[in-house]
Amino acid sequence: MRTEIQYCVDAKGNKTSVIVPYQDWEKLNNRYKLLQKKVRLLDGIQDAVKEVKEARKSGKKLQTLSEFINESRG
């Protein structure tokens, strides 16, 4: 990425916004979207691990992968 970043400041000299070249913004925005997807996936895995641990403690029977796949086909 280029480093043609500009900062806007208020009357006190505090940075209030940033101006970046559009191509850089597109790259950053695409990277951000990919990272959001990764976070959602990892959160889902974390939730699933918690659910399995809780089910094991309580003796609850969980759906197998085969059952899940067959359910989604039908």
Protein backbone atom coordinates (compact mmCIF):
# COMPACT_ATOMS: atom_id res chain seq x y z
CA MET A 1 0.00 0.00 0.00
CA ARG A 2 1.06 3.54 -0.60
CA THR A 3 1.52 5.84 2.37
CA GLU A 4 -0.37 8.87 1.04
CA ILE A 5 -2.44 9.08 4.20
CA GLN A 6 -3.80 12.44 5.29
CA TYR A 7 -5.20 13.28 8.70
CA CYS A 8 -7.93 15.81 9.40
CA VAL A 9 -7.66 17.55 12.72
CA ASP A 10 -10.00 19.72 14.77
CA ALA A 11 -9.21 23.17 16.11
CA LYS A 12 -7.34 21.62 19.07
CA GLY A 13 -5.14 19.50 16.82
CA ASN A 14 -6.92 16.22 17.63
CA LYS A 15 -7.14 13.78 14.72
CA THR A 16 -10.78 13.45 13.67
CA SER A 17 -10.59 11.48 10.43
CA VAL A 18 -8.24 9.94 7.91
CA ILE A 19 -8.08 10.18 4.15
CA VAL A 20 -6.52 7.24 2.32
CA PRO A 21 -6.19 6.63 -1.42
CA TYR A 22 -9.21 4.76 -2.77
CA GLN A 23 -7.21 1.71 -3.90
CA ASP A 24 -5.76 1.39 -0.42
CA TRP A 25 -9.23 1.70 1.06
CA GLU A 26 -10.50 -1.09 -1.19
CA LYS A 27 -7.65 -3.36 -0.09
CA LEU A 28 -8.23 -2.55 3.57
CA ASN A 29 -11.97 -3.02 3.27
CA ASN A 30 -11.60 -6.39 1.51
CA ARG A 31 -9.13 -7.55 4.15
CA TYR A 32 -11.54 -6.40 6.86
CA LYS A 33 -14.39 -8.39 5.30
CA LEU A 34 -12.22 -11.53 5.16
CA LEU A 35 -11.22 -11.08 8.79
CA GLN A 36 -14.88 -10.65 9.79
CA LYS A 37 -15.70 -13.99 8.12
CA LYS A 38 -12.78 -15.63 9.92
CA VAL A 39 -13.93 -14.26 13.28
CA ARG A 40 -17.50 -15.53 12.68
CA LEU A 41 -16.14 -18.97 11.79
CA LEU A 42 -13.88 -19.10 14.84
CA ASP A 43 -16.71 -17.89 17.09
CA GLY A 44 -18.91 -20.67 15.71
CA ILE A 45 -16.25 -23.27 16.41
CA GLN A 46 -15.76 -21.91 19.91
CA ASP A 47 -19.52 -22.09 20.56
CA ALA A 48 -19.62 -25.66 19.23
CA VAL A 49 -16.77 -26.74 21.51
CA LYS A 50 -18.58 -25.22 24.50
CA GLU A 51 -21.79 -27.02 23.50
CA VAL A 52 -19.96 -30.36 23.26
CA LYS A 53 -18.32 -29.85 26.67
CA GLU A 54 -21.65 -28.97 28.26
CA ALA A 55 -23.36 -31.93 26.63
CA ARG A 56 -20.67 -34.31 27.86
CA LYS A 57 -21.05 -32.99 31.41
CA SER A 58 -24.82 -33.34 31.36
CA GLY A 59 -24.94 -36.61 29.43
CA LYS A 60 -26.95 -35.03 26.62
CA LYS A 61 -26.81 -36.90 23.32
CA LEU A 62 -25.55 -34.78 20.45
CA GLN A 63 -26.27 -35.12 16.77
CA THR A 64 -23.51 -36.89 14.83
CA LEU A 65 -21.98 -35.41 11.70
CA SER A 66 -23.66 -38.08 9.59
CA GLU A 67 -27.03 -37.24 11.13
CA PHE A 68 -26.45 -33.57 10.46
CA ILE A 69 -25.48 -34.16 6.84
CA ASN A 70 -28.44 -36.47 6.22
CA GLU A 71 -30.79 -33.97 7.86
CA SER A 72 -29.64 -31.15 5.61
CA ARG A 73 -30.16 -33.28 2.48
CA GLY A 74 -33.71 -34.23 3.28
